[in-house]
Amino acid sequence: QVQLVESGGGLVQPGGSLRLSCAASGFTFSNYPMSWYRQAPGKERELVAFISSTGSITNYAQPVKGRFTISRDNAKNTVYLQMNSLKPDDTAVYYCYAKFRSTGADFWGQGTQVTVSS
C-alpha cells in the first residue's frame, strides 16, 4: 500500500534551518509529482511547495519563496524540503502529499512538527 513517511522536524530558533524528508513506498514514485503542505494551530492546511515528477518544475507559496527549496531523489523514492531563514510563522505540522490523477486517489503522510521559537 502507499506510504508516505516524513522525518526531520523539530525545534529550531528563528533564522535557523531544517531539512524535511518524505520517504515514499507502494507506488512508482518517479511517475508522480509531490507536494509539501503545512497546518498551523487554528489554521487551514496550506500548500507550501510542489515538484513535478522529474523535478524540473517547482512552485512555492509566496510566504516561503526564496527561503524553502523542494527537491526529490527518484532513486531513493524521497522528496525533501530544505527550510532556511525560518520564522515563528513557519511553525506548523508539515505533511507530504501525493495525488494520482489517473484515479483521483490522494495520500498524506502522518506529518512532522516544526516549531520555530527562541
Protein backbone atom coordinates (compact mmCIF):
# COMPACT_ATOMS: atom_id res chain seq x y z
CA GLN A 1 0.00 0.00 0.00
CA VAL A 2 1.01 3.62 -0.45
CA GLN A 3 3.03 5.03 2.42
CA LEU A 4 4.49 8.48 2.93
CA VAL A 5 6.71 8.86 5.98
CA GLU A 6 8.01 12.30 6.95
CA SER A 7 11.00 12.98 9.15
CA GLY A 8 13.30 15.83 10.07
CA GLY A 9 11.04 18.11 12.05
CA GLY A 10 11.96 19.61 15.39
CA LEU A 11 12.54 22.76 17.39
CA VAL A 12 14.70 25.44 15.81
CA GLN A 13 15.48 29.06 16.62
CA PRO A 14 14.35 31.88 14.32
CA GLY A 15 16.77 32.19 11.43
CA GLY A 16 17.71 28.53 11.62
CA SER A 17 17.34 25.73 9.11
CA LEU A 18 15.77 22.29 8.89
CA ARG A 19 15.54 19.70 6.15
CA LEU A 20 12.41 17.57 5.99
CA SER A 21 12.36 14.23 4.21
CA CYS A 22 9.46 12.17 2.95
CA ALA A 23 10.13 8.53 2.10
CA ALA A 24 7.58 7.08 -0.30
CA SER A 25 6.68 3.46 -0.96
CA GLY A 26 3.96 1.39 -2.55
CA PHE A 27 3.87 3.20 -5.87
CA THR A 28 6.15 4.21 -8.75
CA PHE A 29 7.47 7.38 -7.14
CA SER A 30 9.20 8.74 -10.23
CA ASN A 31 5.88 8.91 -12.10
CA TYR A 32 4.17 11.35 -9.76
CA PRO A 33 4.50 14.96 -8.68
CA MET A 34 4.80 15.55 -4.96
CA SER A 35 3.89 18.37 -2.62
CA TRP A 36 4.51 19.62 0.89
CA TYR A 37 1.67 21.14 2.90
CA ARG A 38 1.56 22.59 6.38
CA GLN A 39 -1.06 23.23 9.00
CA ALA A 40 -0.56 25.67 11.84
CA PRO A 41 -2.71 25.57 15.00
CA GLY A 42 -6.15 27.01 14.32
CA LYS A 43 -5.47 27.42 10.59
CA GLU A 44 -6.35 25.50 7.46
CA ARG A 45 -3.85 23.24 5.79
CA GLU A 46 -1.98 25.11 3.06
CA LEU A 47 0.22 24.19 0.14
CA VAL A 48 3.88 25.03 0.72
CA ALA A 49 5.71 23.63 -2.30
CA PHE A 50 5.22 21.43 -5.36
CA ILE A 51 7.63 19.47 -7.50
CA SER A 52 6.97 17.69 -10.79
CA SER A 53 7.73 14.02 -11.30
CA THR A 54 11.13 14.73 -12.86
CA GLY A 55 11.95 17.62 -10.58
CA SER A 56 12.16 20.05 -13.47
CA ILE A 57 9.24 22.16 -12.25
CA THR A 58 8.84 23.58 -8.76
CA ASN A 59 6.37 26.04 -7.28
CA TYR A 60 6.23 27.71 -3.89
CA ALA A 61 3.73 29.53 -1.75
CA GLN A 62 4.52 33.21 -1.51
CA PRO A 63 5.39 33.18 2.22
CA VAL A 64 8.22 30.67 1.67
CA LYS A 65 9.61 31.79 -1.68
CA GLY A 66 13.35 32.36 -1.51
CA ARG A 67 13.65 30.52 1.82
CA PHE A 68 12.42 26.98 1.13
CA THR A 69 13.58 24.56 -1.56
CA ILE A 70 11.78 21.40 -2.60
CA SER A 71 13.75 18.63 -4.27
CA ARG A 72 13.49 14.92 -4.92
CA ASP A 73 15.69 11.88 -5.42
CA ASN A 74 13.79 9.40 -7.55
CA ALA A 75 16.44 6.75 -6.98
CA LYS A 76 15.72 6.94 -3.25
CA ASN A 77 11.94 7.49 -3.55
CA THR A 78 12.32 10.55 -1.36
CA VAL A 79 11.21 14.17 -1.54
CA TYR A 80 12.86 16.87 0.55
CA LEU A 81 12.02 20.31 1.85
CA GLN A 82 15.01 22.44 2.78
CA MET A 83 13.83 25.28 5.02
CA ASN A 84 16.16 28.21 5.67
CA SER A 85 15.71 31.51 7.49
CA LEU A 86 12.90 30.01 9.49
CA LYS A 87 10.40 32.29 11.17
CA PRO A 88 7.95 31.72 14.04
CA ASP A 89 5.15 31.85 11.45
CA ASP A 90 6.59 28.70 9.88
CA THR A 91 5.59 26.75 12.98
CA ALA A 92 3.24 24.00 11.81
CA VAL A 93 2.84 20.32 11.16
CA TYR A 94 4.32 19.62 7.72
CA TYR A 95 2.77 16.94 5.52
CA CYS A 96 3.95 15.15 2.42
CA TYR A 97 1.25 14.69 -0.25
CA ALA A 98 0.77 12.71 -3.42
CA LYS A 99 -2.17 12.59 -5.81
CA PHE A 100 -2.73 10.05 -8.53
CA ARG A 101 -4.53 11.91 -11.31
CA SER A 102 -5.45 8.69 -13.09
CA THR A 103 -7.61 7.51 -10.19
CA GLY A 104 -8.19 10.66 -8.18
CA ALA A 105 -6.76 8.96 -5.11
CA ASP A 106 -4.62 11.07 -2.83
CA PHE A 107 -2.33 10.24 0.04
CA TRP A 108 -0.95 12.07 3.07
CA GLY A 109 1.91 11.33 5.37
CA GLN A 110 1.46 11.39 9.13
CA GLY A 111 3.11 14.80 9.43
CA THR A 112 6.16 16.12 11.20
CA GLN A 113 6.11 19.00 13.69
CA VAL A 114 8.24 22.06 13.02
CA THR A 115 8.47 24.60 15.82
CA VAL A 116 10.35 27.86 15.34
CA SER A 117 10.90 29.57 18.66
CA SER A 118 13.61 31.21 20.72
